[in-house]
Amino acid sequence: MFRNRKILSIFLSLMLIIGMVIGGTSSEVFAEGSTTITILHVNDVHGRLEPDEREGAMGFGVFKAKLDELREENPNLLLLNAGDALHGTTMVNLTDGEAMITMMNAVGFDALVPGNHDFNYGYDRLLELKELAEFPVIAANVVKEADGESDFDAYVIEEVDGVRVGIFGLATEETKFKSHPDNTVGITFVNPVEAAKEAVKALQDEGVDVVIALVHLGIEGTVDTTSKEVAENVEGIDLIIDGHSHEELNLTFGDALLVQAGSYLKNIGVVELEVSEGKVVNKDASLIPTADLAEVEPDKEIVAMVEKINEANKPILDVVVGKAKVELFGGREEGNSVRANETILGNLIADVMRESTGADIAFANGGGIRATIPEGEVKVDDIIKAFPFTNTIASIEITGQELMDALEHGVELYPEEAGWFPQISGMSMKFDPNKEKGSRVLEVVVGGKPFDINEKYILATNDFMASGGDDYTMFANKPFVAEGGLLSDVLIEHFKEVGEVTAELENRIVNLPVIEETAEEYVVELNDVLWKIAEKFGTTWEKLAEYNNLKNPHLIFPEQVILIP
């Protein structure tokens, strides 16, 4: 077409200029001849198979439908899970995690790193679930204490349109205390930075083009090694997909892009990698929130699978786990609401939370208790109805001042009902709602000893409150000292262990004016009776009082008030 080379040169130059004008110079525009790989990621799903408007969870039906759309747009796609997937809701827990593995197989995950809660069914069960998975479960730093060998592959290599992508896994060292210690007996967690250095070198020796760290470490609020430390101290990582701290992250540390997609399947994380000549030359990260998927029709096959799981769980809900010797009241009857008064079920769940974690004290929010457990045989379903939310137990260290602030917050609306009214264990309190807010709590006893404002206490509560929920801001941003299972699961295990469960009101929370008013009413009634006795026997109040003081010194009549020591 172009016989004149000068004209051809001018044409090519013109086309180059036009391309620059149209395409712009944004780093988001990937060069011709490069390969674009889409990495989709989620973390801390915690068993959320179904949509949950309260939490913002999209559910696996919508998730799968959107995945299919994205795979149509770019078949060069990998789907990764940064841990805490297999435990967290009743429908998943009742199958010991199998329901989640089944669903992850159905949507087509490419890799999972185990989070601390993925160990909650025990280490042997985790290995069984690994065998059921149609995708690799990877962890470069989980080894057996006996011989240093691992039951997990350290990494996996995926070839995507000619590009070799190496993915290695890192699990948090905190699993030792953020899952029950029995779940990791004989297992140790190698320092993530050191394990990462070895994994990167091994992948580079394998000739990969892209190195991805799939980690369950968290970037802050943790005691041991964080994902930030890995990013700053390990060279050769292109992308770190993180979990554990339930954050939405898009950060760069040197050459490493670090991302996290929140929790509970509120978002789908998206990372676009441009790879050219064996190197990552561009990265772009974003999130697709549940709100953006309102018009997406849920995948029918996934919806049917979820319904099938629910049907299969019904017989499990009918299993009798023990007996209640008394009605375990946790309702909202007028004058006896779990949101304004100490209740029997509130005492029980607070006790179980404290005893299961070894904490000094425990707080349960009244709003988290939704039903009464009847006297007699108790089924799994009875407990789940009382504790339907997917709250797990968390222990944090608080100061005496923070404890006082929390108690003041707990009774600030009394006598009005409040979801944050505390049900407590390991302590007692007296308060006067007639005083100004912030100065209502008059007396606190912890472990049988007077409260010390300068002391530090280990508090067991639920993860919602421990994260500042119900406006318990004094608890927020504190590292978890320990973590436990779902409140419902822990209570089920308590019933199984004890057999016959009882609880009672113990004046853990005392409203001083109510007690005084009750005593005053009693005194007035008794005075009326004594006046009638005096009249019947033709005597006077004074003579009756004089006789009483001589014969019954435990009753005293100063003027017209009766005091009973």
Protein backbone atom coordinates (compact mmCIF):
# COMPACT_ATOMS: atom_id res chain seq x y z
CA MET A 1 0.00 0.00 0.00
CA PHE A 2 2.76 2.44 1.01
CA ARG A 3 5.42 2.18 -1.73
CA ASN A 4 7.16 5.38 -0.64
CA ARG A 5 9.09 4.70 2.56
CA LYS A 6 9.03 8.37 3.56
CA ILE A 7 5.24 8.40 3.37
CA LEU A 8 5.15 5.16 5.36
CA SER A 9 7.37 6.67 8.04
CA ILE A 10 5.17 9.76 8.27
CA PHE A 11 2.05 7.54 8.52
CA LEU A 12 3.52 5.43 11.33
CA SER A 13 4.56 8.53 13.24
CA LEU A 14 1.07 9.98 12.82
CA MET A 15 -0.53 6.77 14.06
CA LEU A 16 1.77 6.77 17.10
CA ILE A 17 0.70 10.34 17.94
CA ILE A 18 -2.98 9.46 17.49
CA GLY A 19 -2.54 6.44 19.75
CA MET A 20 -0.97 8.59 22.45
CA VAL A 21 -3.80 11.11 22.24
CA ILE A 22 -6.57 8.52 22.31
CA GLY A 23 -4.99 6.18 24.80
CA GLY A 24 -3.52 8.81 27.07
CA THR A 25 -0.57 8.13 29.29
CA SER A 26 -2.37 6.61 32.32
CA SER A 27 -0.62 3.74 34.06
CA GLU A 28 -3.93 1.91 33.85
CA VAL A 29 -3.53 1.46 30.10
CA PHE A 30 -1.69 -1.79 29.47
CA ALA A 31 0.81 -1.98 26.61
CA GLU A 32 0.16 -3.94 23.45
CA GLY A 33 1.85 -7.33 23.56
CA SER A 34 1.60 -7.60 27.33
CA THR A 35 -0.65 -10.03 29.21
CA THR A 36 -3.31 -8.79 31.61
CA ILE A 37 -4.13 -11.12 34.49
CA THR A 38 -7.12 -10.48 36.75
CA ILE A 39 -6.70 -11.58 40.36
CA LEU A 40 -9.96 -11.75 42.32
CA HIS A 41 -9.61 -12.09 46.06
CA VAL A 42 -11.69 -12.39 49.21
CA ASN A 43 -10.78 -12.85 52.87
CA ASP A 44 -12.46 -13.51 56.22
CA VAL A 45 -15.69 -14.75 54.62
CA HIS A 46 -16.38 -16.63 57.88
CA GLY A 47 -18.95 -18.98 56.44
CA ARG A 48 -21.22 -16.36 54.87
CA LEU A 49 -22.88 -18.41 52.13
CA GLU A 50 -26.13 -16.47 52.22
CA PRO A 51 -26.71 -12.74 51.69
CA ASP A 52 -26.99 -10.73 54.90
CA GLU A 53 -28.31 -7.19 54.62
CA ARG A 54 -27.27 -6.36 58.20
CA GLU A 55 -23.63 -7.25 57.50
CA GLY A 56 -23.56 -6.28 53.84
CA ALA A 57 -22.67 -9.82 52.73
CA MET A 58 -23.50 -10.44 49.06
CA GLY A 59 -23.84 -14.22 49.42
CA PHE A 60 -22.38 -16.85 47.11
CA GLY A 61 -25.24 -16.69 44.60
CA VAL A 62 -24.47 -13.09 43.62
CA PHE A 63 -20.74 -13.75 44.04
CA LYS A 64 -20.78 -16.58 41.49
CA ALA A 65 -22.89 -14.59 39.03
CA LYS A 66 -20.43 -11.69 39.12
CA LEU A 67 -17.47 -14.07 38.82
CA ASP A 68 -18.93 -15.44 35.61
CA GLU A 69 -19.23 -11.90 34.21
CA LEU A 70 -15.62 -11.11 35.07
CA ARG A 71 -14.39 -14.38 33.59
CA GLU A 72 -16.18 -13.49 30.36
CA GLU A 73 -14.36 -10.16 30.32
CA ASN A 74 -10.96 -11.72 30.96
CA PRO A 75 -10.46 -15.50 31.00
CA ASN A 76 -6.94 -14.89 32.38
CA LEU A 77 -8.36 -14.86 35.89
CA LEU A 78 -7.36 -16.36 39.25
CA LEU A 79 -9.61 -16.52 42.33
CA LEU A 80 -7.82 -16.51 45.70
CA ASN A 81 -8.99 -16.74 49.31
CA ALA A 82 -6.88 -15.24 52.13
CA GLY A 83 -8.32 -17.40 54.91
CA ASP A 84 -10.92 -17.64 57.69
CA ALA A 85 -13.40 -19.13 55.25
CA LEU A 86 -14.43 -22.47 56.75
CA HIS A 87 -15.96 -21.43 60.08
CA GLY A 88 -18.34 -18.74 61.24
CA THR A 89 -22.03 -19.43 60.56
CA THR A 90 -24.35 -22.14 61.80
CA MET A 91 -25.04 -23.59 58.35
CA VAL A 92 -21.30 -24.06 57.75
CA ASN A 93 -20.33 -25.03 61.30
CA LEU A 94 -22.92 -27.80 61.48
CA THR A 95 -21.05 -29.53 58.63
CA ASP A 96 -17.64 -28.92 60.23
CA GLY A 97 -16.71 -26.74 57.26
CA GLU A 98 -17.66 -29.13 54.46
CA ALA A 99 -20.46 -26.87 53.20
CA MET A 100 -17.97 -24.07 52.55
CA ILE A 101 -15.51 -26.35 50.78
CA THR A 102 -18.34 -27.62 48.57
CA MET A 103 -19.31 -24.05 47.70
CA MET A 104 -15.73 -22.98 47.05
CA ASN A 105 -15.33 -25.93 44.70
CA ALA A 106 -18.49 -24.87 42.89
CA VAL A 107 -17.40 -21.28 42.25
CA GLY A 108 -13.87 -22.32 41.26
CA PHE A 109 -11.29 -21.03 43.72
CA ASP A 110 -7.65 -21.47 42.75
CA ALA A 111 -6.04 -21.37 46.21
CA LEU A 112 -6.74 -20.89 49.93
CA VAL A 113 -4.39 -20.09 52.81
CA PRO A 114 -5.76 -21.32 56.16
CA GLY A 115 -6.72 -18.58 58.61
CA ASN A 116 -6.69 -19.06 62.37
CA HIS A 117 -10.43 -19.87 62.47
CA ASP A 118 -9.99 -22.51 59.77
CA PHE A 119 -8.31 -24.55 62.51
CA ASN A 120 -11.42 -24.31 64.75
CA TYR A 121 -12.62 -27.86 64.01
CA GLY A 122 -9.22 -29.27 64.92
CA TYR A 123 -6.10 -29.85 62.86
CA ASP A 124 -7.11 -33.31 61.65
CA ARG A 125 -10.42 -31.95 60.36
CA LEU A 126 -8.60 -29.18 58.51
CA LEU A 127 -6.51 -31.80 56.74
CA GLU A 128 -9.70 -33.70 55.82
CA LEU A 129 -11.19 -30.52 54.37
CA LYS A 130 -7.97 -29.94 52.44
CA GLU A 131 -8.45 -33.32 50.77
CA LEU A 132 -12.06 -32.45 49.87
CA ALA A 133 -10.96 -29.21 48.22
CA GLU A 134 -10.53 -29.15 44.46
CA PHE A 135 -8.01 -26.34 44.90
CA PRO A 136 -4.70 -26.23 46.79
CA VAL A 137 -4.62 -25.17 50.45
CA ILE A 138 -1.16 -23.65 50.86
CA ALA A 139 0.94 -22.59 53.84
CA ALA A 140 4.71 -22.18 53.74
CA ASN A 141 5.08 -21.68 57.49
CA VAL A 142 2.85 -24.37 59.07
CA VAL A 143 5.06 -27.29 60.12
CA LYS A 144 5.01 -30.24 62.50
CA GLU A 145 7.06 -29.78 65.65
CA ALA A 146 8.31 -33.36 65.53
CA ASP A 147 10.18 -33.23 62.22
CA GLY A 148 9.69 -29.79 60.68
CA GLU A 149 7.76 -31.29 57.77
CA SER A 150 4.46 -29.84 56.57
CA ASP A 151 1.11 -31.28 55.59
CA PHE A 152 0.63 -28.31 53.27
CA ASP A 153 2.30 -27.32 50.04
CA ALA A 154 4.27 -24.11 50.50
CA TYR A 155 3.23 -22.77 47.10
CA VAL A 156 1.48 -23.48 43.83
CA ILE A 157 2.37 -22.36 40.30
CA GLU A 158 -0.39 -21.43 37.85
CA GLU A 159 0.26 -20.84 34.17
CA VAL A 160 -2.01 -18.13 32.77
CA ASP A 161 -1.77 -17.41 29.06
CA GLY A 162 1.90 -18.32 29.07
CA VAL A 163 2.67 -16.38 32.28
CA ARG A 164 3.92 -18.42 35.24
CA VAL A 165 2.31 -17.17 38.46
CA GLY A 166 3.75 -18.41 41.76
CA ILE A 167 1.49 -18.20 44.82
CA PHE A 168 2.75 -19.02 48.33
CA GLY A 169 0.80 -19.05 51.59
CA LEU A 170 1.48 -17.70 55.10
CA ALA A 171 -0.69 -18.39 58.17
CA THR A 172 -0.66 -16.22 61.28
CA GLU A 173 1.42 -17.27 64.27
CA GLU A 174 -1.50 -16.08 66.39
CA THR A 175 -3.40 -19.23 65.47
CA LYS A 176 -1.78 -20.74 68.57
CA PHE A 177 -4.07 -18.61 70.74
CA LYS A 178 -6.67 -17.28 68.30
CA SER A 179 -8.03 -20.77 67.83
CA HIS A 180 -8.36 -23.18 70.75
CA PRO A 181 -4.84 -24.35 71.73
CA ASP A 182 -5.93 -27.97 71.31
CA ASN A 183 -6.38 -27.30 67.58
CA THR A 184 -2.66 -26.77 66.98
CA VAL A 185 -1.07 -29.32 69.30
CA GLY A 186 2.10 -30.60 67.61
CA ILE A 187 2.03 -27.80 65.03
CA THR A 188 4.20 -24.70 64.96
CA PHE A 189 4.23 -21.58 62.81
CA VAL A 190 7.55 -20.49 61.34
CA ASN A 191 8.20 -16.75 61.35
CA PRO A 192 6.36 -15.44 58.26
CA VAL A 193 9.21 -13.19 57.11
CA GLU A 194 11.71 -16.05 57.12
CA ALA A 195 9.23 -18.45 55.48
CA ALA A 196 8.44 -15.84 52.83
CA LYS A 197 12.10 -15.37 51.94
CA GLU A 198 12.49 -19.11 51.37
CA ALA A 199 9.28 -19.34 49.35
CA VAL A 200 10.21 -16.42 47.10
CA LYS A 201 13.63 -17.93 46.41
CA ALA A 202 12.07 -21.32 45.61
CA LEU A 203 9.61 -19.72 43.19
CA GLN A 204 12.31 -17.67 41.52
CA ASP A 205 14.34 -20.86 41.08
CA GLU A 206 11.24 -22.32 39.40
CA GLY A 207 11.33 -19.45 36.90
CA VAL A 208 8.02 -17.76 37.72
CA ASP A 209 7.12 -14.39 36.23
CA VAL A 210 4.83 -13.22 39.04
CA VAL A 211 5.11 -13.81 42.82
CA ILE A 212 1.96 -13.53 44.93
CA ALA A 213 1.90 -13.90 48.72
CA LEU A 214 -1.50 -15.17 49.86
CA VAL A 215 -1.41 -14.44 53.59
CA HIS A 216 -3.60 -14.40 56.68
CA LEU A 217 -1.58 -12.00 58.82
CA GLY A 218 -3.29 -8.62 59.03
CA ILE A 219 -1.59 -5.28 58.83
CA GLU A 220 -2.18 -3.97 62.35
CA GLY A 221 -3.67 -4.80 65.71
CA THR A 222 -1.80 -8.07 65.86
CA VAL A 223 0.82 -9.27 68.31
CA ASP A 224 3.09 -11.17 65.95
CA THR A 225 4.34 -10.64 62.39
CA THR A 226 2.14 -8.51 60.14
CA SER A 227 1.74 -8.43 56.38
CA LYS A 228 3.36 -4.98 56.41
CA GLU A 229 6.53 -6.50 57.88
CA VAL A 230 6.56 -9.11 55.12
CA ALA A 231 6.15 -6.38 52.48
CA GLU A 232 8.95 -4.29 53.94
CA ASN A 233 11.43 -7.09 54.62
CA VAL A 234 11.03 -9.57 51.75
CA GLU A 235 12.14 -8.67 48.24
CA GLY A 236 10.68 -10.19 45.11
CA ILE A 237 6.95 -10.11 45.99
CA ASP A 238 4.71 -8.44 43.43
CA LEU A 239 1.38 -8.75 45.24
CA ILE A 240 0.33 -9.52 48.82
CA ILE A 241 -3.28 -10.59 49.29
CA ASP A 242 -3.99 -10.28 52.99
CA GLY A 243 -6.65 -11.22 55.56
CA HIS A 244 -7.16 -11.42 59.33
CA SER A 245 -7.61 -7.74 60.22
CA HIS A 246 -10.90 -7.28 58.28
CA GLU A 247 -9.78 -4.14 56.46
CA GLU A 248 -10.10 -2.65 52.99
CA LEU A 249 -6.51 -2.07 51.87
CA ASN A 250 -4.76 -0.87 48.74
CA LEU A 251 -1.21 0.02 49.78
CA THR A 252 2.22 -0.06 48.19
CA PHE A 253 5.41 -0.99 50.05
CA GLY A 254 8.37 -0.79 47.71
CA ASP A 255 7.63 -3.10 44.80
CA ALA A 256 4.83 -4.93 46.62
CA LEU A 257 1.15 -4.04 46.33
CA LEU A 258 -0.76 -5.07 49.50
CA VAL A 259 -4.53 -5.52 49.31
CA GLN A 260 -7.36 -6.74 51.52
CA ALA A 261 -11.10 -6.91 50.79
CA GLY A 262 -12.70 -6.31 54.19
CA SER A 263 -14.69 -9.29 55.46
CA TYR A 264 -17.89 -11.36 55.22
CA LEU A 265 -17.97 -11.12 51.40
CA LYS A 266 -18.92 -7.46 51.53
CA ASN A 267 -16.56 -6.87 48.61
CA ILE A 268 -14.85 -8.67 45.77
CA GLY A 269 -11.23 -7.57 45.56
CA VAL A 270 -9.89 -7.02 42.04
CA VAL A 271 -6.24 -6.65 41.03
CA GLU A 272 -5.21 -6.22 37.40
CA LEU A 273 -1.61 -7.19 36.69
CA GLU A 274 0.08 -6.30 33.43
CA VAL A 275 2.96 -8.66 32.67
CA SER A 276 5.45 -7.97 29.90
CA GLU A 277 8.61 -9.92 29.09
CA GLY A 278 8.41 -11.91 32.29
CA LYS A 279 7.90 -8.95 34.62
CA VAL A 280 4.98 -7.17 36.26
CA VAL A 281 5.01 -3.68 34.74
CA ASN A 282 1.70 -2.35 36.04
CA LYS A 283 -0.75 -3.01 38.88
CA ASP A 284 -4.22 -1.68 39.54
CA ALA A 285 -6.41 -2.58 42.56
CA SER A 286 -10.07 -1.93 43.32
CA LEU A 287 -13.08 -3.31 45.16
CA ILE A 288 -16.54 -4.31 43.99
CA PRO A 289 -18.88 -3.73 46.96
CA THR A 290 -22.18 -5.50 47.53
CA ALA A 291 -24.04 -2.23 46.87
CA ASP A 292 -22.80 -2.24 43.26
CA LEU A 293 -24.29 -5.69 42.65
CA ALA A 294 -27.92 -4.93 43.49
CA GLU A 295 -29.02 -5.66 39.90
CA VAL A 296 -27.08 -8.93 39.60
CA GLU A 297 -29.29 -12.01 39.44
CA PRO A 298 -27.98 -14.70 41.83
CA ASP A 299 -26.68 -17.88 40.22
CA LYS A 300 -29.55 -20.40 40.35
CA GLU A 301 -27.35 -23.46 40.88
CA ILE A 302 -25.61 -21.84 43.85
CA VAL A 303 -28.93 -20.76 45.36
CA ALA A 304 -30.19 -24.34 45.04
CA MET A 305 -27.02 -25.65 46.71
CA VAL A 306 -27.51 -23.28 49.65
CA GLU A 307 -31.12 -24.42 50.04
CA LYS A 308 -29.95 -28.03 50.00
CA ILE A 309 -27.43 -27.33 52.76
CA ASN A 310 -30.15 -25.73 54.87
CA GLU A 311 -32.42 -28.73 54.37
CA ALA A 312 -29.62 -31.11 55.34
CA ASN A 313 -29.02 -29.12 58.53
CA LYS A 314 -32.61 -29.39 59.78
CA PRO A 315 -32.18 -32.81 61.47
CA ILE A 316 -29.07 -31.48 63.20
CA LEU A 317 -31.08 -28.60 64.65
CA ASP A 318 -33.42 -31.12 66.32
CA VAL A 319 -30.59 -32.81 68.23
CA VAL A 320 -31.04 -32.62 72.02
CA VAL A 321 -27.83 -31.35 73.65
CA GLY A 322 -28.93 -31.34 77.29
CA LYS A 323 -31.54 -30.13 79.76
CA ALA A 324 -32.30 -26.82 81.39
CA LYS A 325 -33.31 -27.20 85.04
CA VAL A 326 -35.03 -23.81 84.91
CA GLU A 327 -36.33 -21.58 82.19
CA LEU A 328 -33.32 -19.63 80.93
CA PHE A 329 -35.02 -16.30 80.44
CA GLY A 330 -33.56 -14.05 77.78
CA GLY A 331 -36.62 -12.21 76.55
CA ARG A 332 -37.91 -8.66 76.52
CA GLU A 333 -40.97 -8.73 78.75
CA GLU A 334 -41.97 -5.41 80.25
CA GLY A 335 -40.07 -4.89 83.48
CA ASN A 336 -37.85 -7.89 82.85
CA SER A 337 -35.97 -7.25 79.65
CA VAL A 338 -32.55 -8.62 78.84
CA ARG A 339 -31.84 -5.11 77.54
CA ALA A 340 -32.38 -3.46 80.92
CA ASN A 341 -31.97 -6.09 83.64
CA GLU A 342 -29.76 -8.90 84.80
CA THR A 343 -31.30 -12.09 83.41
CA ILE A 344 -30.72 -15.79 83.91
CA LEU A 345 -29.64 -16.49 80.32
CA GLY A 346 -27.45 -13.39 80.37
CA ASN A 347 -25.65 -14.72 83.44
CA LEU A 348 -25.24 -18.14 81.84
CA ILE A 349 -23.76 -16.96 78.55
CA ALA A 350 -21.45 -14.49 80.30
CA ASP A 351 -20.22 -17.27 82.61
CA VAL A 352 -19.60 -19.60 79.68
CA MET A 353 -17.71 -16.88 77.80
CA ARG A 354 -15.49 -16.16 80.79
CA GLU A 355 -14.85 -19.78 81.73
CA SER A 356 -14.13 -20.92 78.17
CA THR A 357 -11.43 -18.26 77.72
CA GLY A 358 -10.03 -18.03 81.25
CA ALA A 359 -10.76 -14.29 81.32
CA ASP A 360 -11.20 -12.29 84.52
CA ILE A 361 -14.59 -10.86 83.55
CA ALA A 362 -17.11 -11.12 80.72
CA PHE A 363 -19.57 -8.82 78.95
CA ALA A 364 -22.45 -9.97 76.74
CA ASN A 365 -24.66 -7.35 75.12
CA GLY A 366 -28.36 -7.78 75.86
CA GLY A 367 -29.21 -7.09 72.23
CA GLY A 368 -27.31 -10.21 71.20
CA ILE A 369 -29.70 -12.44 73.17
CA ARG A 370 -32.85 -12.97 71.14
CA ALA A 371 -34.96 -15.63 72.87
CA THR A 372 -35.58 -17.62 76.04
CA ILE A 373 -34.36 -21.22 76.28
CA PRO A 374 -37.25 -23.24 77.74
CA GLU A 375 -37.00 -25.48 80.78
CA GLY A 376 -36.57 -29.17 79.96
CA GLU A 377 -34.90 -30.71 76.91
CA VAL A 378 -32.80 -28.24 74.96
CA LYS A 379 -32.17 -28.65 71.25
CA VAL A 380 -29.52 -27.11 69.04
CA ASP A 381 -32.29 -25.05 67.49
CA ASP A 382 -33.26 -23.56 70.89
CA ILE A 383 -29.74 -22.28 71.42
CA ILE A 384 -29.38 -20.91 67.90
CA LYS A 385 -32.70 -19.06 68.24
CA ALA A 386 -31.38 -17.45 71.42
CA PHE A 387 -28.02 -16.61 69.80
CA PRO A 388 -28.70 -16.32 66.04
CA PHE A 389 -25.89 -13.90 65.25
CA THR A 390 -22.51 -15.10 64.08
CA ASN A 391 -20.63 -13.50 66.94
CA THR A 392 -17.48 -15.19 68.15
CA ILE A 393 -15.84 -14.84 71.57
CA ALA A 394 -12.90 -12.46 71.82
CA SER A 395 -10.73 -11.62 74.82
CA ILE A 396 -9.03 -8.25 75.18
CA GLU A 397 -7.02 -6.56 77.91
CA ILE A 398 -8.64 -3.43 79.35
CA THR A 399 -7.78 -1.00 82.10
CA GLY A 400 -9.85 -0.33 85.19
CA GLN A 401 -10.81 3.04 83.75
CA GLU A 402 -11.99 1.43 80.51
CA LEU A 403 -14.06 -1.05 82.52
CA MET A 404 -15.70 1.80 84.43
CA ASP A 405 -16.35 3.67 81.16
CA ALA A 406 -17.93 0.54 79.69
CA LEU A 407 -20.22 0.03 82.67
CA GLU A 408 -21.30 3.67 82.59
CA HIS A 409 -22.09 3.30 78.89
CA GLY A 410 -24.00 0.09 79.57
CA VAL A 411 -26.50 1.77 81.94
CA GLU A 412 -26.64 5.24 80.41
CA LEU A 413 -30.18 4.83 79.01
CA TYR A 414 -31.66 2.95 81.97
CA PRO A 415 -34.59 2.46 82.56
CA GLU A 416 -35.03 2.56 78.77
CA GLU A 417 -34.03 -0.61 76.96
CA ALA A 418 -30.69 -0.62 75.17
CA GLY A 419 -29.10 -3.34 73.08
CA TRP A 420 -25.78 -2.58 74.74
CA PHE A 421 -27.04 -3.17 78.29
CA PRO A 422 -24.40 -5.55 79.72
CA GLN A 423 -24.90 -9.07 81.02
CA ILE A 424 -21.81 -9.70 83.15
CA SER A 425 -19.72 -12.41 84.79
CA GLY A 426 -16.83 -12.40 87.24
CA MET A 427 -18.00 -9.12 88.70
CA SER A 428 -20.93 -7.19 90.17
CA MET A 429 -22.01 -3.57 90.07
CA LYS A 430 -24.38 -1.16 91.77
CA PHE A 431 -25.68 1.90 89.98
CA ASP A 432 -28.08 4.79 90.50
CA PRO A 433 -29.91 5.85 87.32
CA ASN A 434 -31.07 9.04 89.04
CA LYS A 435 -27.54 10.41 88.90
CA GLU A 436 -26.06 12.13 85.88
CA LYS A 437 -24.86 10.00 82.98
CA GLY A 438 -21.22 9.15 83.42
CA SER A 439 -21.44 9.01 87.21
CA ARG A 440 -24.13 6.41 87.77
CA VAL A 441 -21.95 3.43 88.68
CA LEU A 442 -21.35 3.56 92.44
CA GLU A 443 -19.72 0.25 93.27
CA VAL A 444 -17.89 -2.42 91.29
CA VAL A 445 -16.51 -5.71 92.61
CA VAL A 446 -14.27 -7.91 90.43
CA GLY A 447 -13.50 -11.47 91.47
CA GLY A 448 -14.77 -10.79 94.97
CA LYS A 449 -12.38 -7.86 95.42
CA PRO A 450 -13.02 -4.11 95.25
CA PHE A 451 -12.57 -2.66 91.80
CA ASP A 452 -9.19 -1.02 91.12
CA ILE A 453 -9.15 1.81 88.60
CA ASN A 454 -5.42 1.22 88.02
CA GLU A 455 -5.69 -2.54 87.50
CA LYS A 456 -5.73 -4.32 84.14
CA TYR A 457 -8.32 -6.99 83.43
CA ILE A 458 -8.81 -9.61 80.71
CA LEU A 459 -12.33 -9.18 79.35
CA ALA A 460 -14.16 -11.86 77.36
CA THR A 461 -16.84 -10.43 75.09
CA ASN A 462 -18.00 -10.97 71.52
CA ASP A 463 -16.08 -9.82 68.47
CA PHE A 464 -18.77 -7.23 67.72
CA MET A 465 -18.32 -5.45 71.05
CA ALA A 466 -14.56 -6.01 71.08
CA SER A 467 -14.37 -4.06 67.81
CA GLY A 468 -16.27 -1.11 69.29
CA GLY A 469 -19.77 -2.28 68.37
CA ASP A 470 -22.78 -0.90 70.27
CA ASP A 471 -20.61 2.18 70.81
CA TYR A 472 -18.23 0.41 73.19
CA THR A 473 -15.49 2.59 71.75
CA MET A 474 -13.25 1.97 74.76
CA PHE A 475 -12.80 -1.63 73.52
CA ALA A 476 -11.95 -0.79 69.90
CA ASN A 477 -8.52 -1.31 68.30
CA LYS A 478 -7.21 -3.57 71.04
CA PRO A 479 -5.34 -6.74 70.07
CA PHE A 480 -7.33 -9.88 70.83
CA VAL A 481 -5.63 -11.81 73.63
CA ALA A 482 -7.60 -14.92 72.66
CA GLU A 483 -10.49 -15.92 70.42
CA GLY A 484 -13.16 -18.59 70.71
CA GLY A 485 -15.96 -20.02 68.63
CA LEU A 486 -19.49 -18.84 67.99
CA LEU A 487 -21.49 -18.02 71.13
CA SER A 488 -24.05 -20.62 70.05
CA ASP A 489 -21.39 -23.29 69.51
CA VAL A 490 -19.73 -22.64 72.87
CA LEU A 491 -23.08 -22.84 74.67
CA ILE A 492 -23.98 -26.06 72.84
CA GLU A 493 -20.71 -27.60 74.01
CA HIS A 494 -21.43 -26.41 77.55
CA PHE A 495 -24.80 -28.20 77.54
CA LYS A 496 -23.20 -31.37 76.20
CA GLU A 497 -20.52 -31.26 78.88
CA VAL A 498 -22.73 -30.38 81.87
CA GLY A 499 -25.85 -32.31 80.87
CA GLU A 500 -28.27 -30.44 83.12
CA VAL A 501 -27.72 -26.71 83.08
CA THR A 502 -29.01 -24.18 85.56
CA ALA A 503 -28.45 -20.52 86.31
CA GLU A 504 -29.96 -17.93 88.59
CA LEU A 505 -30.15 -14.24 89.33
CA GLU A 506 -27.32 -13.28 91.64
CA ASN A 507 -27.67 -9.50 92.07
CA ARG A 508 -24.73 -8.96 89.74
CA ILE A 509 -26.38 -5.76 88.56
CA VAL A 510 -28.11 -3.84 91.35
CA ASN A 511 -30.24 -0.75 90.84
CA LEU A 512 -30.02 0.93 94.24
CA PRO A 513 -33.14 3.16 94.00
CA VAL A 514 -35.27 0.15 92.98
CA ILE A 515 -34.13 -1.76 96.08
CA GLU A 516 -34.83 1.25 98.33
CA GLU A 517 -38.27 1.79 96.82
CA THR A 518 -39.13 -1.88 97.24
CA ALA A 519 -38.01 -1.83 100.89
CA GLU A 520 -40.01 1.32 101.55
CA GLU A 521 -43.17 -0.23 100.12
CA TYR A 522 -42.62 -3.27 102.31
CA VAL A 523 -42.18 -1.05 105.40
CA VAL A 524 -45.43 0.83 104.72
CA GLU A 525 -47.36 -2.43 104.34
CA LEU A 526 -45.88 -3.84 107.56
CA ASN A 527 -46.67 -0.63 109.47
CA ASP A 528 -50.30 -0.91 108.42
CA VAL A 529 -50.43 -4.46 109.74
CA LEU A 530 -48.89 -3.48 113.08
CA TRP A 531 -51.28 -0.56 113.52
CA LYS A 532 -54.18 -2.98 113.09
CA ILE A 533 -52.63 -5.36 115.65
CA ALA A 534 -52.32 -2.50 118.13
CA GLU A 535 -55.93 -1.49 117.62
CA LYS A 536 -57.15 -5.10 117.98
CA PHE A 537 -55.52 -5.52 121.37
CA GLY A 538 -56.54 -2.07 122.60
CA THR A 539 -53.04 -0.75 122.91
CA THR A 540 -51.09 2.08 121.36
CA TRP A 541 -48.28 2.31 118.85
CA GLU A 542 -45.89 3.51 121.55
CA LYS A 543 -46.63 0.59 123.90
CA LEU A 544 -46.37 -1.90 121.04
CA ALA A 545 -43.02 -0.42 120.08
CA GLU A 546 -41.82 -0.49 123.71
CA TYR A 547 -42.87 -4.13 124.08
CA ASN A 548 -41.22 -5.05 120.80
CA ASN A 549 -37.92 -3.46 121.80
CA LEU A 550 -37.87 -5.54 124.97
CA LYS A 551 -38.96 -8.90 123.57
CA ASN A 552 -37.84 -8.66 119.90
CA PRO A 553 -34.78 -6.44 119.66
CA HIS A 554 -34.30 -7.39 115.98
CA LEU A 555 -37.33 -5.18 115.19
CA ILE A 556 -36.99 -1.49 115.91
CA PHE A 557 -39.66 1.22 115.66
CA PRO A 558 -38.02 4.63 115.41
CA GLU A 559 -41.01 6.94 115.01
CA GLN A 560 -43.03 5.34 112.18
CA VAL A 561 -40.24 3.57 110.25
CA ILE A 562 -39.44 -0.10 110.62
CA LEU A 563 -35.88 -1.22 110.01
CA ILE A 564 -35.01 -4.91 109.75
CA PRO A 565 -31.24 -5.44 110.11
